Amino acid sequence: MRDTYHEELDSLSERLVEMTRLARHAVARATTALLDADLNAAQEVISGDEELNRLDEDIEATAFDLMARQQPVARDLRIIITSLHMAGDLERMGDHAVHIAKIARRRHPDSAIPAELRSIVLEMGHQAELLVIKAGEVVSQRDAETALELDSDDDRMDRLRRRLLTRILDPGWQHGVEATMDVTLAGRFYERFGDHAVHVADNLVYMVTGERPKDYESEA
């Protein structure tokens, strides 16, 4: 009975890692859709979000079932509660990828991103992928030390978004209101994608150590 219980606990982490894989694929394809006006890629992201939602629901159902049947305490309870939080963050990361894909679909057959901003948006897409890859690694390995790095890793995403805003607020900007809105929203969705990756890492730290990241860092 206890072996089954611990297998179910382990399955939570396995499904979380799968969610990070799906979120990475979603944001990569959303970036392709956005920059290349690729309607097929946009549709793939939008329809593929159902799988992330299903995993989120599966994790929630398993977590509630374990709490009801096993009445876990201490570390096991932390694993269950933090898994719920992490699944919610990963599901929302998928939502942000969908929002980016919908910008691309709305502007098809044109690209929503002016040529001079393509390199910045491409960097944001790559940074989003790196963040969710690292989030998956720390969840898989339960590596609290590496999880602490994601907050500073996310600073690069914040800097890229500020670069976007600086460009569209420049008096020489000539791309009109629609492009302004598209670029602003896309930048915001990438930034939020990164924020949720940091939240995943923060919850992993708490799962492993029982302490919030700031408290754990101060003791390290």
N, C-alpha and C. Protein backbone atom coordinates (compact mmCIF):
# COMPACT_ATOMS: atom_id res chain seq x y z
N MET A 1 0.84 -1.21 0.00
CA MET A 1 0.00 0.00 0.00
C MET A 1 0.87 1.26 0.00
N ARG A 2 1.92 1.25 0.86
CA ARG A 2 2.78 2.43 0.94
C ARG A 2 3.61 2.57 -0.33
N ASP A 3 3.97 1.44 -0.96
CA ASP A 3 4.70 1.54 -2.23
C ASP A 3 3.86 2.25 -3.27
N THR A 4 2.58 1.91 -3.35
CA THR A 4 1.66 2.57 -4.28
C THR A 4 1.56 4.05 -3.97
N TYR A 5 1.48 4.37 -2.69
CA TYR A 5 1.40 5.77 -2.26
C TYR A 5 2.61 6.56 -2.74
N HIS A 6 3.80 6.01 -2.55
CA HIS A 6 5.01 6.74 -2.96
C HIS A 6 5.15 6.78 -4.49
N GLU A 7 4.66 5.77 -5.16
CA GLU A 7 4.63 5.83 -6.63
C GLU A 7 3.72 6.96 -7.11
N GLU A 8 2.60 7.15 -6.43
CA GLU A 8 1.70 8.24 -6.80
C GLU A 8 2.34 9.60 -6.52
N LEU A 9 3.07 9.68 -5.41
CA LEU A 9 3.80 10.93 -5.12
C LEU A 9 4.83 11.21 -6.22
N ASP A 10 5.59 10.18 -6.59
CA ASP A 10 6.60 10.35 -7.64
C ASP A 10 5.96 10.73 -8.97
N SER A 11 4.77 10.22 -9.21
CA SER A 11 4.10 10.52 -10.49
C SER A 11 3.77 12.00 -10.61
N LEU A 12 3.61 12.68 -9.48
CA LEU A 12 3.35 14.13 -9.54
C LEU A 12 4.54 14.84 -10.20
N SER A 13 5.75 14.52 -9.76
CA SER A 13 6.94 15.14 -10.34
C SER A 13 7.10 14.78 -11.81
N GLU A 14 6.82 13.53 -12.14
CA GLU A 14 6.95 13.10 -13.53
C GLU A 14 6.01 13.89 -14.45
N ARG A 15 4.80 14.11 -13.97
CA ARG A 15 3.84 14.86 -14.78
C ARG A 15 4.20 16.34 -14.85
N LEU A 16 4.78 16.86 -13.78
CA LEU A 16 5.25 18.24 -13.83
C LEU A 16 6.37 18.41 -14.85
N VAL A 17 7.28 17.46 -14.90
CA VAL A 17 8.37 17.53 -15.88
C VAL A 17 7.80 17.47 -17.30
N GLU A 18 6.80 16.63 -17.49
CA GLU A 18 6.15 16.56 -18.81
C GLU A 18 5.48 17.90 -19.16
N MET A 19 4.92 18.56 -18.16
CA MET A 19 4.32 19.88 -18.40
C MET A 19 5.38 20.89 -18.82
N THR A 20 6.57 20.81 -18.24
CA THR A 20 7.63 21.74 -18.65
C THR A 20 8.03 21.47 -20.10
N ARG A 21 8.04 20.20 -20.49
CA ARG A 21 8.37 19.86 -21.88
C ARG A 21 7.33 20.45 -22.84
N LEU A 22 6.08 20.30 -22.49
CA LEU A 22 5.00 20.82 -23.34
C LEU A 22 5.02 22.35 -23.38
N ALA A 23 5.31 22.98 -22.24
CA ALA A 23 5.36 24.44 -22.21
C ALA A 23 6.51 24.96 -23.06
N ARG A 24 7.64 24.24 -23.03
CA ARG A 24 8.77 24.65 -23.87
C ARG A 24 8.39 24.56 -25.36
N HIS A 25 7.78 23.44 -25.74
CA HIS A 25 7.39 23.28 -27.14
C HIS A 25 6.39 24.36 -27.54
N ALA A 26 5.46 24.67 -26.64
CA ALA A 26 4.45 25.67 -26.95
C ALA A 26 5.06 27.04 -27.19
N VAL A 27 5.97 27.46 -26.32
CA VAL A 27 6.52 28.81 -26.48
C VAL A 27 7.45 28.88 -27.69
N ALA A 28 8.15 27.77 -28.00
CA ALA A 28 9.00 27.75 -29.18
C ALA A 28 8.17 27.88 -30.45
N ARG A 29 7.07 27.13 -30.52
CA ARG A 29 6.21 27.20 -31.71
C ARG A 29 5.48 28.53 -31.78
N ALA A 30 5.13 29.09 -30.63
CA ALA A 30 4.47 30.40 -30.61
C ALA A 30 5.40 31.48 -31.15
N THR A 31 6.68 31.38 -30.80
CA THR A 31 7.67 32.34 -31.31
C THR A 31 7.81 32.22 -32.82
N THR A 32 7.84 31.00 -33.31
CA THR A 32 7.88 30.78 -34.76
C THR A 32 6.66 31.38 -35.43
N ALA A 33 5.50 31.13 -34.85
CA ALA A 33 4.26 31.68 -35.41
C ALA A 33 4.30 33.20 -35.45
N LEU A 34 4.80 33.80 -34.39
CA LEU A 34 4.81 35.25 -34.27
C LEU A 34 5.76 35.89 -35.28
N LEU A 35 6.96 35.34 -35.39
CA LEU A 35 7.98 35.96 -36.24
C LEU A 35 7.80 35.63 -37.72
N ASP A 36 7.29 34.44 -38.00
CA ASP A 36 7.20 33.98 -39.39
C ASP A 36 5.79 34.00 -39.95
N ALA A 37 4.85 34.54 -39.17
CA ALA A 37 3.44 34.53 -39.59
C ALA A 37 3.02 33.12 -40.00
N ASP A 38 3.39 32.15 -39.17
CA ASP A 38 3.15 30.74 -39.45
C ASP A 38 1.82 30.32 -38.82
N LEU A 39 0.78 30.28 -39.61
CA LEU A 39 -0.55 29.97 -39.10
C LEU A 39 -0.64 28.55 -38.56
N ASN A 40 0.03 27.61 -39.21
CA ASN A 40 0.00 26.23 -38.73
C ASN A 40 0.62 26.10 -37.34
N ALA A 41 1.74 26.82 -37.13
CA ALA A 41 2.38 26.79 -35.82
C ALA A 41 1.47 27.40 -34.76
N ALA A 42 0.79 28.50 -35.12
CA ALA A 42 -0.12 29.14 -34.18
C ALA A 42 -1.24 28.19 -33.78
N GLN A 43 -1.83 27.51 -34.77
CA GLN A 43 -2.92 26.58 -34.48
C GLN A 43 -2.44 25.40 -33.64
N GLU A 44 -1.21 24.97 -33.89
CA GLU A 44 -0.64 23.87 -33.12
C GLU A 44 -0.54 24.23 -31.64
N VAL A 45 -0.11 25.45 -31.36
CA VAL A 45 0.02 25.91 -29.98
C VAL A 45 -1.36 25.99 -29.32
N ILE A 46 -2.30 26.55 -30.03
CA ILE A 46 -3.64 26.75 -29.47
C ILE A 46 -4.32 25.42 -29.17
N SER A 47 -4.28 24.49 -30.12
CA SER A 47 -4.92 23.20 -29.89
C SER A 47 -4.14 22.35 -28.89
N GLY A 48 -2.81 22.48 -28.89
CA GLY A 48 -1.97 21.69 -27.99
C GLY A 48 -2.12 22.06 -26.53
N ASP A 49 -2.70 23.21 -26.24
CA ASP A 49 -2.86 23.64 -24.85
C ASP A 49 -3.78 22.71 -24.07
N GLU A 50 -4.61 21.97 -24.76
CA GLU A 50 -5.51 21.03 -24.09
C GLU A 50 -4.73 19.98 -23.29
N GLU A 51 -3.58 19.56 -23.81
CA GLU A 51 -2.78 18.56 -23.11
C GLU A 51 -2.21 19.10 -21.81
N LEU A 52 -1.75 20.34 -21.82
CA LEU A 52 -1.28 20.97 -20.58
C LEU A 52 -2.41 21.08 -19.58
N ASN A 53 -3.58 21.48 -20.04
CA ASN A 53 -4.73 21.59 -19.15
C ASN A 53 -5.09 20.24 -18.55
N ARG A 54 -5.01 19.18 -19.37
CA ARG A 54 -5.35 17.85 -18.88
C ARG A 54 -4.38 17.40 -17.79
N LEU A 55 -3.09 17.66 -18.00
CA LEU A 55 -2.11 17.28 -16.99
C LEU A 55 -2.31 18.06 -15.70
N ASP A 56 -2.63 19.33 -15.82
CA ASP A 56 -2.92 20.14 -14.64
C ASP A 56 -4.09 19.54 -13.86
N GLU A 57 -5.13 19.15 -14.58
CA GLU A 57 -6.30 18.54 -13.94
C GLU A 57 -5.95 17.19 -13.32
N ASP A 58 -5.11 16.41 -14.00
CA ASP A 58 -4.69 15.11 -13.46
C ASP A 58 -3.92 15.27 -12.15
N ILE A 59 -3.00 16.24 -12.14
CA ILE A 59 -2.22 16.48 -10.93
C ILE A 59 -3.12 16.92 -9.79
N GLU A 60 -4.07 17.79 -10.10
CA GLU A 60 -5.00 18.24 -9.06
C GLU A 60 -5.81 17.07 -8.51
N ALA A 61 -6.32 16.21 -9.39
CA ALA A 61 -7.12 15.07 -8.95
C ALA A 61 -6.30 14.12 -8.09
N THR A 62 -5.06 13.84 -8.52
CA THR A 62 -4.19 12.95 -7.74
C THR A 62 -3.87 13.56 -6.39
N ALA A 63 -3.57 14.85 -6.37
CA ALA A 63 -3.22 15.51 -5.11
C ALA A 63 -4.38 15.46 -4.11
N PHE A 64 -5.58 15.77 -4.57
CA PHE A 64 -6.73 15.75 -3.67
C PHE A 64 -7.03 14.33 -3.20
N ASP A 65 -6.85 13.36 -4.08
CA ASP A 65 -7.10 11.97 -3.72
C ASP A 65 -6.10 11.51 -2.65
N LEU A 66 -4.82 11.87 -2.82
CA LEU A 66 -3.80 11.51 -1.84
C LEU A 66 -4.07 12.15 -0.49
N MET A 67 -4.49 13.40 -0.50
CA MET A 67 -4.77 14.07 0.77
C MET A 67 -5.97 13.44 1.47
N ALA A 68 -6.97 13.04 0.68
CA ALA A 68 -8.16 12.45 1.28
C ALA A 68 -7.89 11.04 1.82
N ARG A 69 -7.12 10.23 1.07
CA ARG A 69 -6.91 8.83 1.45
C ARG A 69 -5.78 8.63 2.43
N GLN A 70 -4.70 9.42 2.26
CA GLN A 70 -3.47 9.15 3.01
C GLN A 70 -3.21 10.12 4.15
N GLN A 71 -3.89 11.25 4.14
CA GLN A 71 -3.69 12.29 5.15
C GLN A 71 -2.19 12.55 5.40
N PRO A 72 -1.48 12.94 4.35
CA PRO A 72 -0.02 13.12 4.46
C PRO A 72 0.34 14.28 5.38
N VAL A 73 1.52 14.19 5.95
CA VAL A 73 2.03 15.26 6.81
C VAL A 73 3.46 15.59 6.40
N ALA A 74 3.97 16.69 6.96
CA ALA A 74 5.37 17.09 6.79
C ALA A 74 5.78 17.13 5.32
N ARG A 75 6.88 16.46 4.98
CA ARG A 75 7.46 16.56 3.65
C ARG A 75 6.49 16.09 2.57
N ASP A 76 5.77 15.01 2.81
CA ASP A 76 4.84 14.50 1.80
C ASP A 76 3.75 15.53 1.50
N LEU A 77 3.27 16.19 2.54
CA LEU A 77 2.24 17.21 2.32
C LEU A 77 2.82 18.37 1.53
N ARG A 78 4.07 18.74 1.80
CA ARG A 78 4.71 19.80 1.02
C ARG A 78 4.80 19.42 -0.45
N ILE A 79 5.16 18.17 -0.72
CA ILE A 79 5.26 17.71 -2.11
C ILE A 79 3.92 17.89 -2.82
N ILE A 80 2.86 17.50 -2.15
CA ILE A 80 1.54 17.57 -2.77
C ILE A 80 1.11 19.01 -3.01
N ILE A 81 1.24 19.84 -1.99
CA ILE A 81 0.78 21.23 -2.11
C ILE A 81 1.62 22.00 -3.13
N THR A 82 2.93 21.84 -3.08
CA THR A 82 3.77 22.57 -4.04
C THR A 82 3.57 22.06 -5.46
N SER A 83 3.28 20.78 -5.60
CA SER A 83 2.99 20.24 -6.94
C SER A 83 1.75 20.91 -7.52
N LEU A 84 0.76 21.12 -6.69
CA LEU A 84 -0.45 21.83 -7.15
C LEU A 84 -0.10 23.23 -7.64
N HIS A 85 0.72 23.93 -6.86
CA HIS A 85 1.11 25.30 -7.25
C HIS A 85 1.93 25.28 -8.55
N MET A 86 2.87 24.36 -8.65
CA MET A 86 3.71 24.30 -9.84
C MET A 86 2.89 23.96 -11.08
N ALA A 87 1.95 23.04 -10.94
CA ALA A 87 1.10 22.68 -12.08
C ALA A 87 0.30 23.90 -12.54
N GLY A 88 -0.19 24.69 -11.59
CA GLY A 88 -0.93 25.89 -11.95
C GLY A 88 -0.07 26.88 -12.71
N ASP A 89 1.18 27.05 -12.28
CA ASP A 89 2.09 27.96 -12.98
C ASP A 89 2.39 27.45 -14.39
N LEU A 90 2.62 26.16 -14.53
CA LEU A 90 2.94 25.61 -15.85
C LEU A 90 1.74 25.68 -16.78
N GLU A 91 0.54 25.49 -16.24
CA GLU A 91 -0.66 25.63 -17.07
C GLU A 91 -0.79 27.07 -17.57
N ARG A 92 -0.48 28.02 -16.71
CA ARG A 92 -0.56 29.43 -17.14
C ARG A 92 0.55 29.78 -18.14
N MET A 93 1.70 29.13 -18.03
CA MET A 93 2.75 29.33 -19.04
C MET A 93 2.24 28.90 -20.41
N GLY A 94 1.51 27.78 -20.44
CA GLY A 94 0.89 27.37 -21.70
C GLY A 94 -0.09 28.39 -22.21
N ASP A 95 -0.85 29.00 -21.29
CA ASP A 95 -1.81 30.03 -21.68
C ASP A 95 -1.11 31.22 -22.32
N HIS A 96 0.03 31.61 -21.75
CA HIS A 96 0.77 32.75 -22.31
C HIS A 96 1.30 32.43 -23.71
N ALA A 97 1.74 31.19 -23.91
CA ALA A 97 2.16 30.79 -25.26
C ALA A 97 0.98 30.86 -26.22
N VAL A 98 -0.19 30.46 -25.76
CA VAL A 98 -1.40 30.56 -26.59
C VAL A 98 -1.69 32.02 -26.95
N HIS A 99 -1.56 32.90 -25.98
CA HIS A 99 -1.81 34.33 -26.25
C HIS A 99 -0.87 34.85 -27.33
N ILE A 100 0.40 34.43 -27.27
CA ILE A 100 1.37 34.85 -28.29
C ILE A 100 0.95 34.29 -29.65
N ALA A 101 0.56 33.03 -29.67
CA ALA A 101 0.12 32.41 -30.93
C ALA A 101 -1.11 33.12 -31.51
N LYS A 102 -1.99 33.58 -30.64
CA LYS A 102 -3.20 34.26 -31.12
C LYS A 102 -2.88 35.62 -31.72
N ILE A 103 -1.83 36.28 -31.22
CA ILE A 103 -1.38 37.52 -31.86
C ILE A 103 -0.96 37.22 -33.28
N ALA A 104 -0.17 36.14 -33.43
CA ALA A 104 0.29 35.75 -34.77
C ALA A 104 -0.88 35.42 -35.68
N ARG A 105 -1.85 34.69 -35.17
CA ARG A 105 -3.01 34.29 -35.98
C ARG A 105 -3.84 35.51 -36.38
N ARG A 106 -3.96 36.46 -35.48
CA ARG A 106 -4.76 37.65 -35.76
C ARG A 106 -4.16 38.49 -36.88
N ARG A 107 -2.82 38.51 -36.99
CA ARG A 107 -2.16 39.35 -38.00
C ARG A 107 -1.84 38.60 -39.29
N HIS A 108 -2.04 37.30 -39.29
CA HIS A 108 -1.76 36.51 -40.49
C HIS A 108 -2.54 37.08 -41.69
N PRO A 109 -1.93 37.21 -42.87
CA PRO A 109 -0.65 36.62 -43.30
C PRO A 109 0.57 37.51 -43.03
N ASP A 110 0.38 38.64 -42.35
CA ASP A 110 1.52 39.50 -42.03
C ASP A 110 2.14 39.07 -40.71
N SER A 111 3.39 39.44 -40.51
CA SER A 111 4.02 39.23 -39.22
C SER A 111 3.63 40.36 -38.28
N ALA A 112 3.35 40.00 -37.04
CA ALA A 112 2.95 41.01 -36.06
C ALA A 112 4.13 41.83 -35.56
N ILE A 113 5.35 41.39 -35.84
CA ILE A 113 6.54 42.04 -35.28
C ILE A 113 7.30 42.76 -36.37
N PRO A 114 7.47 44.08 -36.26
CA PRO A 114 8.26 44.83 -37.24
C PRO A 114 9.69 44.28 -37.35
N ALA A 115 10.26 44.39 -38.52
CA ALA A 115 11.56 43.77 -38.81
C ALA A 115 12.64 44.16 -37.81
N GLU A 116 12.65 45.45 -37.39
CA GLU A 116 13.74 45.89 -36.52
C GLU A 116 13.63 45.36 -35.09
N LEU A 117 12.49 44.73 -34.75
CA LEU A 117 12.32 44.17 -33.41
C LEU A 117 12.41 42.65 -33.38
N ARG A 118 12.58 42.06 -34.55
CA ARG A 118 12.58 40.60 -34.62
C ARG A 118 13.67 39.96 -33.76
N SER A 119 14.86 40.56 -33.75
CA SER A 119 15.96 39.95 -32.99
C SER A 119 15.68 39.97 -31.48
N ILE A 120 15.03 41.03 -31.00
CA ILE A 120 14.71 41.09 -29.57
C ILE A 120 13.67 40.04 -29.22
N VAL A 121 12.63 39.93 -30.04
CA VAL A 121 11.58 38.96 -29.77
C VAL A 121 12.12 37.54 -29.87
N LEU A 122 13.01 37.31 -30.82
CA LEU A 122 13.63 35.99 -30.93
C LEU A 122 14.42 35.65 -29.67
N GLU A 123 15.15 36.64 -29.13
CA GLU A 123 15.88 36.43 -27.87
C GLU A 123 14.93 36.11 -26.73
N MET A 124 13.79 36.80 -26.70
CA MET A 124 12.81 36.55 -25.64
C MET A 124 12.27 35.12 -25.73
N GLY A 125 12.03 34.67 -26.96
CA GLY A 125 11.58 33.29 -27.14
C GLY A 125 12.61 32.29 -26.67
N HIS A 126 13.88 32.54 -27.02
CA HIS A 126 14.94 31.64 -26.58
C HIS A 126 15.09 31.66 -25.06
N GLN A 127 14.99 32.84 -24.47
CA GLN A 127 15.12 32.94 -23.02
C GLN A 127 13.96 32.22 -22.33
N ALA A 128 12.77 32.32 -22.89
CA ALA A 128 11.63 31.60 -22.32
C ALA A 128 11.88 30.09 -22.34
N GLU A 129 12.44 29.60 -23.44
CA GLU A 129 12.76 28.18 -23.52
C GLU A 129 13.80 27.78 -22.48
N LEU A 130 14.84 28.58 -22.34
CA LEU A 130 15.89 28.25 -21.38
C LEU A 130 15.35 28.20 -19.95
N LEU A 131 14.45 29.13 -19.64
CA LEU A 131 13.89 29.18 -18.29
C LEU A 131 13.05 27.94 -17.99
N VAL A 132 12.22 27.53 -18.95
CA VAL A 132 11.36 26.39 -18.67
C VAL A 132 12.15 25.08 -18.72
N ILE A 133 13.21 25.03 -19.53
CA ILE A 133 14.09 23.85 -19.51
C ILE A 133 14.73 23.71 -18.12
N LYS A 134 15.22 24.81 -17.60
CA LYS A 134 15.87 24.77 -16.29
C LYS A 134 14.87 24.43 -15.19
N ALA A 135 13.65 24.96 -15.33
CA ALA A 135 12.61 24.62 -14.35
C ALA A 135 12.34 23.12 -14.36
N GLY A 136 12.30 22.53 -15.55
CA GLY A 136 12.09 21.09 -15.64
C GLY A 136 13.22 20.31 -15.01
N GLU A 137 14.44 20.78 -15.20
CA GLU A 137 15.59 20.08 -14.63
C GLU A 137 15.57 20.11 -13.10
N VAL A 138 15.25 21.26 -12.53
CA VAL A 138 15.27 21.35 -11.06
C VAL A 138 14.14 20.55 -10.45
N VAL A 139 12.99 20.46 -11.15
CA VAL A 139 11.90 19.63 -10.65
C VAL A 139 12.29 18.15 -10.72
N SER A 140 12.86 17.76 -11.85
CA SER A 140 13.25 16.36 -12.04
C SER A 140 14.28 15.92 -11.01
N GLN A 141 15.25 16.79 -10.74
CA GLN A 141 16.36 16.44 -9.85
C GLN A 141 16.16 16.91 -8.42
N ARG A 142 15.06 17.65 -8.22
CA ARG A 142 14.79 18.25 -6.91
C ARG A 142 16.02 19.01 -6.40
N ASP A 143 16.51 19.87 -7.26
CA ASP A 143 17.77 20.59 -7.05
C ASP A 143 17.47 22.01 -6.59
N ALA A 144 17.45 22.21 -5.29
CA ALA A 144 17.11 23.52 -4.73
C ALA A 144 18.18 24.56 -5.05
N GLU A 145 19.44 24.16 -5.06
CA GLU A 145 20.52 25.13 -5.32
C GLU A 145 20.39 25.73 -6.72
N THR A 146 20.17 24.89 -7.72
CA THR A 146 20.02 25.40 -9.07
C THR A 146 18.71 26.18 -9.23
N ALA A 147 17.68 25.76 -8.51
CA ALA A 147 16.40 26.46 -8.57
C ALA A 147 16.55 27.93 -8.17
N LEU A 148 17.45 28.20 -7.25
CA LEU A 148 17.66 29.57 -6.81
C LEU A 148 18.18 30.47 -7.93
N GLU A 149 18.79 29.87 -8.96
CA GLU A 149 19.38 30.66 -10.04
C GLU A 149 18.33 31.25 -10.98
N LEU A 150 17.12 30.69 -10.99
CA LEU A 150 16.15 31.12 -11.99
C LEU A 150 15.72 32.57 -11.83
N ASP A 151 15.73 33.05 -10.60
CA ASP A 151 15.33 34.44 -10.39
C ASP A 151 16.26 35.39 -11.12
N SER A 152 17.56 35.16 -11.02
CA SER A 152 18.51 36.02 -11.74
C SER A 152 18.50 35.72 -13.23
N ASP A 153 18.26 34.46 -13.61
CA ASP A 153 18.13 34.13 -15.03
C ASP A 153 17.00 34.92 -15.68
N ASP A 154 15.93 35.12 -14.91
CA ASP A 154 14.76 35.82 -15.44
C ASP A 154 15.02 37.32 -15.63
N ASP A 155 16.07 37.84 -15.01
CA ASP A 155 16.38 39.27 -15.17
C ASP A 155 16.65 39.60 -16.64
N ARG A 156 17.21 38.65 -17.38
CA ARG A 156 17.47 38.89 -18.80
C ARG A 156 16.16 39.10 -19.57
N MET A 157 15.14 38.34 -19.23
CA MET A 157 13.84 38.52 -19.87
C MET A 157 13.29 39.91 -19.56
N ASP A 158 13.44 40.34 -18.34
CA ASP A 158 12.95 41.68 -17.97
C ASP A 158 13.69 42.77 -18.75
N ARG A 159 14.99 42.59 -18.93
CA ARG A 159 15.77 43.58 -19.68
C ARG A 159 15.33 43.61 -21.15
N LEU A 160 15.05 42.44 -21.71
CA LEU A 160 14.61 42.39 -23.10
C LEU A 160 13.26 43.09 -23.27
N ARG A 161 12.38 42.89 -22.31
CA ARG A 161 11.09 43.57 -22.41
C ARG A 161 11.25 45.09 -22.32
N ARG A 162 12.14 45.54 -21.47
CA ARG A 162 12.38 46.99 -21.38
C ARG A 162 12.93 47.52 -22.71
N ARG A 163 13.77 46.73 -23.37
CA ARG A 163 14.28 47.15 -24.69
C ARG A 163 13.15 47.30 -25.69
N LEU A 164 12.21 46.38 -25.66
CA LEU A 164 11.05 46.49 -26.55
C LEU A 164 10.27 47.77 -26.27
N LEU A 165 10.00 48.02 -25.00
CA LEU A 165 9.22 49.21 -24.65
C LEU A 165 9.94 50.49 -25.04
N THR A 166 11.26 50.50 -24.86
CA THR A 166 12.04 51.67 -25.24
C THR A 166 11.90 51.95 -26.73
N ARG A 167 11.91 50.90 -27.53
CA ARG A 167 11.80 51.07 -28.99
C ARG A 167 10.44 51.60 -29.42
N ILE A 168 9.37 51.06 -28.83
CA ILE A 168 8.04 51.50 -29.28
C ILE A 168 7.67 52.86 -28.71
N LEU A 169 8.35 53.30 -27.65
CA LEU A 169 8.09 54.63 -27.11
C LEU A 169 8.98 55.70 -27.72
N ASP A 170 9.90 55.27 -28.56
CA ASP A 170 10.79 56.22 -29.24
C ASP A 170 9.97 57.12 -30.17
N PRO A 171 10.27 58.42 -30.21
CA PRO A 171 9.53 59.33 -31.09
C PRO A 171 9.60 58.93 -32.57
N GLY A 172 10.61 58.17 -32.93
CA GLY A 172 10.74 57.76 -34.33
C GLY A 172 9.93 56.51 -34.69
N TRP A 173 9.21 55.95 -33.74
CA TRP A 173 8.40 54.76 -34.01
C TRP A 173 7.32 55.09 -35.04
N GLN A 174 7.22 54.31 -36.09
CA GLN A 174 6.32 54.63 -37.19
C GLN A 174 5.40 53.48 -37.59
N HIS A 175 5.17 52.56 -36.68
CA HIS A 175 4.42 51.36 -37.06
C HIS A 175 2.96 51.35 -36.62
N GLY A 176 2.50 52.44 -36.04
CA GLY A 176 1.08 52.56 -35.75
C GLY A 176 0.62 51.86 -34.50
N VAL A 177 -0.68 52.02 -34.24
CA VAL A 177 -1.27 51.54 -32.99
C VAL A 177 -1.31 50.01 -32.92
N GLU A 178 -1.69 49.36 -34.02
CA GLU A 178 -1.81 47.90 -33.99
C GLU A 178 -0.48 47.23 -33.65
N ALA A 179 0.58 47.65 -34.31
CA ALA A 179 1.89 47.07 -34.03
C ALA A 179 2.33 47.38 -32.60
N THR A 180 2.02 48.58 -32.14
CA THR A 180 2.35 48.95 -30.76
C THR A 180 1.69 48.00 -29.78
N MET A 181 0.39 47.74 -30.00
CA MET A 181 -0.33 46.84 -29.11
C MET A 181 0.21 45.41 -29.19
N ASP A 182 0.47 44.95 -30.41
CA ASP A 182 0.97 43.58 -30.58
C ASP A 182 2.31 43.39 -29.88
N VAL A 183 3.23 44.32 -30.09
CA VAL A 183 4.56 44.21 -29.48
C VAL A 183 4.47 44.31 -27.96
N THR A 184 3.66 45.23 -27.47
CA THR A 184 3.50 45.40 -26.02
C THR A 184 2.95 44.14 -25.38
N LEU A 185 1.90 43.58 -25.99
CA LEU A 185 1.29 42.37 -25.43
C LEU A 185 2.24 41.18 -25.51
N ALA A 186 2.90 41.01 -26.65
CA ALA A 186 3.83 39.89 -26.79
C ALA A 186 4.93 39.98 -25.73
N GLY A 187 5.48 41.17 -25.54
CA GLY A 187 6.51 41.34 -24.53
C GLY A 187 6.01 40.99 -23.14
N ARG A 188 4.78 41.40 -22.86
CA ARG A 188 4.20 41.09 -21.55
C ARG A 188 3.99 39.59 -21.38
N PHE A 189 3.53 38.90 -22.41
CA PHE A 189 3.29 37.46 -22.30
C PHE A 189 4.60 36.69 -22.10
N TYR A 190 5.67 37.10 -22.79
CA TYR A 190 6.96 36.46 -22.57
C TYR A 190 7.45 36.71 -21.14
N GLU A 191 7.29 37.93 -20.68
CA GLU A 191 7.73 38.26 -19.32
C GLU A 191 6.98 37.41 -18.29
N ARG A 192 5.66 37.28 -18.47
CA ARG A 192 4.88 36.50 -17.52
C ARG A 192 5.22 35.02 -17.60
N PHE A 193 5.52 34.53 -18.79
CA PHE A 193 5.98 33.15 -18.95
C PHE A 193 7.21 32.92 -18.07
N GLY A 194 8.17 33.85 -18.15
CA GLY A 194 9.37 33.74 -17.33
C GLY A 194 9.08 33.82 -15.84
N ASP A 195 8.16 34.71 -15.46
CA ASP A 195 7.80 34.85 -14.04
C ASP A 195 7.26 33.53 -13.48
N HIS A 196 6.43 32.86 -14.27
CA HIS A 196 5.87 31.60 -13.79
C HIS A 196 6.93 30.52 -13.67
N ALA A 197 7.94 30.54 -14.55
CA ALA A 197 9.05 29.59 -14.42
C ALA A 197 9.77 29.82 -13.09
N VAL A 198 9.94 31.08 -12.71
CA VAL A 198 10.57 31.40 -11.42
C VAL A 198 9.70 30.89 -10.27
N HIS A 199 8.38 31.05 -10.40
CA HIS A 199 7.48 30.56 -9.35
C HIS A 199 7.62 29.04 -9.18
N VAL A 200 7.74 28.33 -10.31
CA VAL A 200 7.95 26.88 -10.24
C VAL A 200 9.21 26.58 -9.44
N ALA A 201 10.29 27.28 -9.74
CA ALA A 201 11.56 27.05 -9.04
C ALA A 201 11.44 27.40 -7.55
N ASP A 202 10.76 28.49 -7.24
CA ASP A 202 10.58 28.88 -5.84
C ASP A 202 9.83 27.80 -5.06
N ASN A 203 8.80 27.24 -5.69
CA ASN A 203 8.05 26.19 -5.02
C ASN A 203 8.87 24.92 -4.86
N LEU A 204 9.75 24.67 -5.82
CA LEU A 204 10.64 23.51 -5.69
C LEU A 204 11.56 23.67 -4.48
N VAL A 205 12.08 24.87 -4.29
CA VAL A 205 12.92 25.13 -3.12
C VAL A 205 12.15 24.83 -1.84
N TYR A 206 10.92 25.30 -1.79
CA TYR A 206 10.11 25.05 -0.59
C TYR A 206 9.80 23.57 -0.42
N MET A 207 9.52 22.90 -1.53
CA MET A 207 9.25 21.45 -1.46
C MET A 207 10.42 20.70 -0.83
N VAL A 208 11.63 21.03 -1.27
CA VAL A 208 12.82 20.28 -0.86
C VAL A 208 13.29 20.68 0.54
N THR A 209 13.25 21.97 0.85
CA THR A 209 13.88 22.47 2.08
C THR A 209 12.89 22.83 3.19
N GLY A 210 11.64 23.07 2.82
CA GLY A 210 10.70 23.55 3.83
C GLY A 210 10.85 25.02 4.12
N GLU A 211 11.68 25.70 3.34
CA GLU A 211 11.90 27.14 3.53
C GLU A 211 11.65 27.88 2.23
N ARG A 212 11.24 29.15 2.36
CA ARG A 212 11.08 29.99 1.20
C ARG A 212 12.47 30.39 0.67
N PRO A 213 12.58 30.65 -0.63
CA PRO A 213 13.92 30.90 -1.23
C PRO A 213 14.75 31.95 -0.50
N LYS A 214 14.15 33.06 -0.10
CA LYS A 214 14.93 34.11 0.55
C LYS A 214 15.52 33.63 1.87
N ASP A 215 14.71 32.86 2.62
CA ASP A 215 15.20 32.35 3.90
C ASP A 215 16.28 31.30 3.68
N TYR A 216 16.09 30.46 2.68
CA TYR A 216 17.07 29.40 2.39
C TYR A 216 18.38 30.00 1.92
N GLU A 217 18.29 31.04 1.06
CA GLU A 217 19.51 31.70 0.56
C GLU A 217 20.31 32.32 1.67
N SER A 218 19.60 32.93 2.64
CA SER A 218 20.30 33.63 3.72
C SER A 218 21.06 32.65 4.61
N GLU A 219 20.64 31.38 4.63
CA GLU A 219 21.32 30.38 5.45
C GLU A 219 22.44 29.68 4.69
N ALA A 220 22.34 29.73 3.35
CA ALA A 220 23.30 28.98 2.52
C ALA A 220 24.68 29.59 2.58
